[in-house]
C-alpha atoms as a PDB file:
ATOM      1  CA  MET A   1       0.000   0.000   0.000  1.00  0.00           C
ATOM      2  CA  ALA A   2       2.784   2.459   0.871  1.00  0.00           C
ATOM      3  CA  GLU A   3       4.256   1.910  -2.584  1.00  0.00           C
ATOM      4  CA  HIS A   4       0.980   3.180  -4.078  1.00  0.00           C
ATOM      5  CA  LEU A   5       1.558   6.397  -2.159  1.00  0.00           C
ATOM      6  CA  GLY A   6       4.988   6.757  -3.735  1.00  0.00           C
ATOM      7  CA  ALA A   7       7.053   5.822  -0.661  1.00  0.00           C
ATOM      8  CA  SER A   8       8.177   2.761   1.198  1.00  0.00           C
ATOM      9  CA  TRP A   9       7.036   1.945   4.719  1.00  0.00           C
ATOM     10  CA  SER A  10      10.507   2.759   6.033  1.00  0.00           C
ATOM     11  CA  VAL A  11      10.486   6.209   4.402  1.00  0.00           C
ATOM     12  CA  LEU A  12       7.001   6.900   5.764  1.00  0.00           C
ATOM     13  CA  GLY A  13       8.122   5.723   9.197  1.00  0.00           C
ATOM     14  CA  TRP A  14      11.171   8.002   9.208  1.00  0.00           C
ATOM     15  CA  THR A  15       9.047  10.910   8.005  1.00  0.00           C
ATOM     16  CA  ILE A  16       6.700  10.420  10.952  1.00  0.00           C
ATOM     17  CA  VAL A  17       9.609  10.093  13.399  1.00  0.00           C
ATOM     18  CA  ASN A  18      11.347  13.192  11.978  1.00  0.00           C
ATOM     19  CA  GLY A  19       8.098  15.181  12.025  1.00  0.00           C
ATOM     20  CA  ILE A  20       7.424  14.368  15.664  1.00  0.00           C
ATOM     21  CA  ALA A  21      11.067  14.897  16.652  1.00  0.00           C
ATOM     22  CA  ILE A  22      11.405  18.338  15.013  1.00  0.00           C
ATOM     23  CA  TYR A  23       8.072  19.305  16.574  1.00  0.00           C
ATOM     24  CA  VAL A  24       9.435  18.337  20.013  1.00  0.00           C
ATOM     25  CA  VAL A  25      12.602  20.366  19.314  1.00  0.00           C
ATOM     26  CA  VAL A  26      10.487  23.434  18.536  1.00  0.00           C
ATOM     27  CA  ILE A  27       8.359  22.949  21.669  1.00  0.00           C
ATOM     28  CA  VAL A  28      11.493  22.710  23.832  1.00  0.00           C
ATOM     29  CA  LEU A  29      12.972  25.846  22.238  1.00  0.00           C
ATOM     30  CA  VAL A  30       9.690  27.738  22.667  1.00  0.00           C
ATOM     31  CA  ARG A  31       9.622  26.770  26.350  1.00  0.00           C
ATOM     32  CA  ILE A  32      13.227  27.977  26.737  1.00  0.00           C
ATOM     33  CA  GLN A  33      12.745  31.237  24.827  1.00  0.00           C
ATOM     34  CA  GLY A  34       9.325  32.029  26.251  1.00  0.00           C
ATOM     35  CA  LEU A  35       6.134  33.544  24.971  1.00  0.00           C
ATOM     36  CA  ARG A  36       7.782  35.899  22.519  1.00  0.00           C
ATOM     37  CA  SER A  37       8.818  32.968  20.295  1.00  0.00           C
ATOM     38  CA  PHE A  38       5.817  33.303  18.019  1.00  0.00           C
ATOM     39  CA  ALA A  39       4.647  36.786  18.977  1.00  0.00           C
ATOM     40  CA  LYS A  40       3.968  39.055  16.046  1.00  0.00           C
ATOM     41  CA  MET A  41       5.683  42.072  17.578  1.00  0.00           C
ATOM     42  CA  SER A  42       7.742  43.029  14.537  1.00  0.00           C
ATOM     43  CA  SER A  43       8.241  42.046  10.935  1.00  0.00           C
ATOM     44  CA  PHE A  44      11.335  40.120  12.014  1.00  0.00           C
ATOM     45  CA  ASP A  45       9.233  38.021  14.408  1.00  0.00           C
ATOM     46  CA  PHE A  46       6.891  37.179  11.559  1.00  0.00           C
ATOM     47  CA  ALA A  47       9.794  36.239   9.275  1.00  0.00           C
ATOM     48  CA  ALA A  48      11.317  34.043  11.994  1.00  0.00           C
ATOM     49  CA  THR A  49       7.989  32.265  12.524  1.00  0.00           C
ATOM     50  CA  VAL A  50       7.635  31.538   8.804  1.00  0.00           C
ATOM     51  CA  ALA A  51      11.255  30.372   8.590  1.00  0.00           C
ATOM     52  CA  VAL A  52      10.845  28.009  11.566  1.00  0.00           C
ATOM     53  CA  GLY A  53       7.736  26.536   9.943  1.00  0.00           C
ATOM     54  CA  SER A  54       9.584  26.064   6.674  1.00  0.00           C
ATOM     55  CA  VAL A  55      12.520  24.324   8.361  1.00  0.00           C
ATOM     56  CA  MET A  56      10.127  22.111  10.321  1.00  0.00           C
ATOM     57  CA  ALA A  57       8.294  21.076   7.151  1.00  0.00           C
ATOM     58  CA  THR A  58      11.490  20.474   5.191  1.00  0.00           C
ATOM     59  CA  THR A  59      13.036  18.438   8.005  1.00  0.00           C
ATOM     60  CA  ALA A  60       9.904  16.357   8.456  1.00  0.00           C
ATOM     61  CA  ALA A  61       9.267  15.697   4.775  1.00  0.00           C
ATOM     62  CA  SER A  62      12.768  15.301   3.344  1.00  0.00           C
ATOM     63  CA  SER A  63      14.801  12.168   3.834  1.00  0.00           C
ATOM     64  CA  ASP A  64      17.837  14.165   2.608  1.00  0.00           C
ATOM     65  CA  ILE A  65      17.844  16.485   5.641  1.00  0.00           C
ATOM     66  CA  PRO A  66      19.064  14.853   8.854  1.00  0.00           C
ATOM     67  CA  LEU A  67      17.090  15.649  11.994  1.00  0.00           C
ATOM     68  CA  ALA A  68      20.197  17.150  13.610  1.00  0.00           C
ATOM     69  CA  THR A  69      20.554  19.581  10.689  1.00  0.00           C
ATOM     70  CA  GLY A  70      16.921  20.664  10.976  1.00  0.00           C
ATOM     71  CA  ALA A  71      17.211  21.024  14.757  1.00  0.00           C
ATOM     72  CA  ALA A  72      20.386  23.108  14.343  1.00  0.00           C
ATOM     73  CA  ALA A  73      18.655  25.346  11.788  1.00  0.00           C
ATOM     74  CA  VAL A  74      15.647  25.872  14.073  1.00  0.00           C
ATOM     75  CA  GLY A  75      17.995  26.581  16.980  1.00  0.00           C
ATOM     76  CA  ALA A  76      19.887  29.121  14.866  1.00  0.00           C
ATOM     77  CA  LEU A  77      16.631  30.875  13.962  1.00  0.00           C
ATOM     78  CA  PHE A  78      15.640  31.057  17.631  1.00  0.00           C
ATOM     79  CA  LEU A  79      19.080  32.467  18.527  1.00  0.00           C
ATOM     80  CA  ALA A  80      18.782  35.044  15.741  1.00  0.00           C
ATOM     81  CA  GLN A  81      15.360  36.051  17.026  1.00  0.00           C
ATOM     82  CA  ILE A  82      16.716  36.415  20.574  1.00  0.00           C
ATOM     83  CA  ALA A  83      19.632  38.509  19.272  1.00  0.00           C
ATOM     84  CA  VAL A  84      17.374  40.809  17.268  1.00  0.00           C
ATOM     85  CA  ALA A  85      14.836  41.117  20.113  1.00  0.00           C
ATOM     86  CA  THR A  86      17.670  42.042  22.474  1.00  0.00           C
ATOM     87  CA  GLY A  87      19.193  44.422  19.938  1.00  0.00           C
ATOM     88  CA  ARG A  88      15.869  46.208  19.461  1.00  0.00           C
ATOM     89  CA  ARG A  89      16.571  47.958  22.785  1.00  0.00           C
ATOM     90  CA  TRP A  90      18.862  50.258  20.803  1.00  0.00           C
ATOM     91  CA  ALA A  91      17.461  52.756  18.325  1.00  0.00           C
ATOM     92  CA  ALA A  92      20.051  51.890  15.655  1.00  0.00           C
ATOM     93  CA  VAL A  93      18.920  48.251  15.588  1.00  0.00           C
ATOM     94  CA  ARG A  94      15.231  49.209  15.715  1.00  0.00           C
ATOM     95  CA  SER A  95      15.682  51.520  12.739  1.00  0.00           C
ATOM     96  CA  VAL A  96      17.062  48.621  10.667  1.00  0.00           C
ATOM     97  CA  VAL A  97      14.706  45.872  11.859  1.00  0.00           C
ATOM     98  CA  ASP A  98      11.377  47.585  12.499  1.00  0.00           C
ATOM     99  CA  ASN A  99       9.027  49.534  10.308  1.00  0.00           C
ATOM    100  CA  GLU A 100       7.642  52.746  11.758  1.00  0.00           C
ATOM    101  CA  PRO A 101       3.962  52.829  12.620  1.00  0.00           C
ATOM    102  CA  MET A 102       2.111  55.316  10.404  1.00  0.00           C
ATOM    103  CA  LEU A 103      -1.030  57.409  10.775  1.00  0.00           C
ATOM    104  CA  LEU A 104      -3.725  56.479   8.283  1.00  0.00           C
ATOM    105  CA  MET A 105      -6.605  58.518   9.639  1.00  0.00           C
ATOM    106  CA  VAL A 106      -7.110  61.389  12.078  1.00  0.00           C
ATOM    107  CA  GLY A 107     -10.697  61.934  13.127  1.00  0.00           C
ATOM    108  CA  SER A 108     -12.767  61.453  10.000  1.00  0.00           C
ATOM    109  CA  GLU A 109      -9.908  62.504   7.685  1.00  0.00           C
ATOM    110  CA  LEU A 110      -8.232  59.748   5.690  1.00  0.00           C
ATOM    111  CA  LEU A 111      -4.558  60.497   5.028  1.00  0.00           C
ATOM    112  CA  HIS A 112      -4.391  59.409   1.393  1.00  0.00           C
ATOM    113  CA  ASP A 113      -0.618  59.912   1.014  1.00  0.00           C
ATOM    114  CA  ASN A 114      -0.006  57.605   3.982  1.00  0.00           C
ATOM    115  CA  LEU A 115      -2.516  55.064   2.667  1.00  0.00           C
ATOM    116  CA  ARG A 116      -0.535  54.988  -0.571  1.00  0.00           C
ATOM    117  CA  ARG A 117       2.834  54.747   1.254  1.00  0.00           C
ATOM    118  CA  GLY A 118       1.540  51.911   3.413  1.00  0.00           C
ATOM    119  CA  GLN A 119      -0.143  50.179   0.461  1.00  0.00           C
ATOM    120  CA  VAL A 120      -3.436  50.228   2.344  1.00  0.00           C
ATOM    121  CA  THR A 121      -6.761  50.883   0.658  1.00  0.00           C
ATOM    122  CA  GLU A 122      -9.667  52.909   1.934  1.00  0.00           C
ATOM    123  CA  ASP A 123     -11.649  49.654   1.990  1.00  0.00           C
ATOM    124  CA  ASP A 124      -9.007  48.109   4.302  1.00  0.00           C
ATOM    125  CA  VAL A 125      -9.504  50.995   6.728  1.00  0.00           C
ATOM    126  CA  LYS A 126     -13.300  50.742   6.524  1.00  0.00           C
ATOM    127  CA  ALA A 127     -13.091  47.031   7.341  1.00  0.00           C
ATOM    128  CA  LYS A 128     -10.942  47.771  10.414  1.00  0.00           C
ATOM    129  CA  LEU A 129     -13.354  50.497  11.529  1.00  0.00           C
ATOM    130  CA  ARG A 130     -16.213  48.012  11.352  1.00  0.00           C
ATOM    131  CA  GLU A 131     -14.135  45.392  13.155  1.00  0.00           C
ATOM    132  CA  ALA A 132     -13.522  47.933  15.944  1.00  0.00           C
ATOM    133  CA  ASN A 133     -17.284  48.554  16.203  1.00  0.00           C
ATOM    134  CA  VAL A 134     -17.031  52.163  15.072  1.00  0.00           C
ATOM    135  CA  LEU A 135     -20.564  53.352  14.355  1.00  0.00           C
ATOM    136  CA  THR A 136     -19.875  56.897  13.195  1.00  0.00           C
ATOM    137  CA  LEU A 137     -16.738  58.633  11.967  1.00  0.00           C
ATOM    138  CA  ASP A 138     -16.925  61.179  14.785  1.00  0.00           C
ATOM    139  CA  GLN A 139     -15.969  58.328  17.145  1.00  0.00           C
ATOM    140  CA  VAL A 140     -12.618  57.860  15.381  1.00  0.00           C
ATOM    141  CA  ARG A 141      -9.617  59.469  17.054  1.00  0.00           C
ATOM    142  CA  VAL A 142      -6.805  57.897  14.976  1.00  0.00           C
ATOM    143  CA  VAL A 143      -6.129  54.868  12.805  1.00  0.00           C
ATOM    144  CA  VAL A 144      -2.536  53.577  12.758  1.00  0.00           C
ATOM    145  CA  LEU A 145      -0.760  51.095  10.493  1.00  0.00           C
ATOM    146  CA  GLU A 146       1.389  49.239  13.034  1.00  0.00           C
ATOM    147  CA  THR A 147       4.914  47.888  12.546  1.00  0.00           C
ATOM    148  CA  THR A 148       3.459  44.395  12.155  1.00  0.00           C
ATOM    149  CA  GLY A 149       1.111  45.407   9.337  1.00  0.00           C
ATOM    150  CA  ASP A 150      -1.909  45.340  11.644  1.00  0.00           C
ATOM    151  CA  ILE A 151      -4.231  48.332  11.685  1.00  0.00           C
ATOM    152  CA  SER A 152      -5.185  49.796  15.072  1.00  0.00           C
ATOM    153  CA  VAL A 153      -8.266  51.934  15.559  1.00  0.00           C
ATOM    154  CA  LEU A 154      -8.400  54.239  18.576  1.00  0.00           C
ATOM    155  CA  HIS A 155     -11.924  55.453  19.062  1.00  0.00           C
ATOM    156  CA  GLY A 156     -14.379  56.553  21.695  1.00  0.00           C
ATOM    157  CA  ASP A 157     -17.574  58.411  22.390  1.00  0.00           C
ATOM    158  CA  ALA A 158     -17.837  61.836  20.846  1.00  0.00           C
ATOM    159  CA  ASP A 159     -17.682  63.427  24.302  1.00  0.00           C
ATOM    160  CA  GLY A 160     -14.898  61.125  25.577  1.00  0.00           C
ATOM    161  CA  PRO A 161     -11.257  61.951  26.270  1.00  0.00           C
ATOM    162  CA  ALA A 162      -8.626  62.696  23.638  1.00  0.00           C
ATOM    163  CA  VAL A 163      -5.908  60.188  22.783  1.00  0.00           C
ATOM    164  CA  GLU A 164      -2.861  60.538  25.017  1.00  0.00           C
ATOM    165  CA  ARG A 165       0.195  61.515  22.969  1.00  0.00           C
ATOM    166  CA  TYR A 166       2.206  58.766  24.710  1.00  0.00           C
ATOM    167  CA  LEU A 167       0.173  56.146  22.848  1.00  0.00           C
ATOM    168  CA  LEU A 168       1.275  57.663  19.559  1.00  0.00           C
ATOM    169  CA  ASP A 169       5.003  58.162  20.252  1.00  0.00           C
ATOM    170  CA  GLY A 170       6.999  57.178  17.182  1.00  0.00           C
ATOM    171  CA  VAL A 171       4.012  57.156  14.820  1.00  0.00           C
ATOM    172  CA  ARG A 172       5.024  58.598  11.454  1.00  0.00           C
ATOM    173  CA  GLY A 173       2.830  61.451  10.302  1.00  0.00           C
ATOM    174  CA  LEU A 174       2.016  62.626  13.815  1.00  0.00           C
ATOM    175  CA  GLU A 175       4.849  65.145  14.033  1.00  0.00           C
ATOM    176  CA  GLU A 176       3.179  67.574  11.627  1.00  0.00           C
ATOM    177  CA  ARG A 177      -0.206  67.334  13.333  1.00  0.00           C
ATOM    178  CA  ASP A 178      -1.486  69.171  16.359  1.00  0.00           C
ATOM    179  CA  ASP A 179      -5.147  68.453  15.723  1.00  0.00           C
ATOM    180  CA  LEU A 180      -5.776  65.108  17.407  1.00  0.00           C
ATOM    181  CA  PRO A 181      -9.497  64.978  17.950  1.00  0.00           C
ATOM    182  CA  ALA A 182     -10.709  65.110  21.507  1.00  0.00           C
ATOM    183  CA  GLY A 183     -14.080  63.930  22.564  1.00  0.00           C
END
């Protein structure tokens, strides 16, 4: 039967063993590194997560890649992620590794130049407004394209408080604005 699937029983057996073993390696490394392992805090975190998945799949499915090689590659990716996460404490590293968050909307005003720069459409913003349960545009304080590619919507009641500037530190496009909508 295995031959009908294009592999021998021994190859299928080793594939299963390698798949489980590389999975255990990743679990152990995640436990050592902690919760940040697969956090989507930066674009580098996302790239590391995709790379780990690719190495896992290749190690599990390829009889040409020894388990030790796959485990070493996964370990190297985890070490690189730790190094970059540690390095992000310094502005020089952050400027290389991280994208800057960017204003997409202030109050009811869409910032079309920033939408274009961020490759975000007006429909993308509308979808995020709906997802955030915004009922009217006068509830919107700001919409930000985050470093991860996520879109954050800060909103509140029309008579609610303004957005604290601290929450928007480092957001591109804010420096030329002094008109953050208050409630």
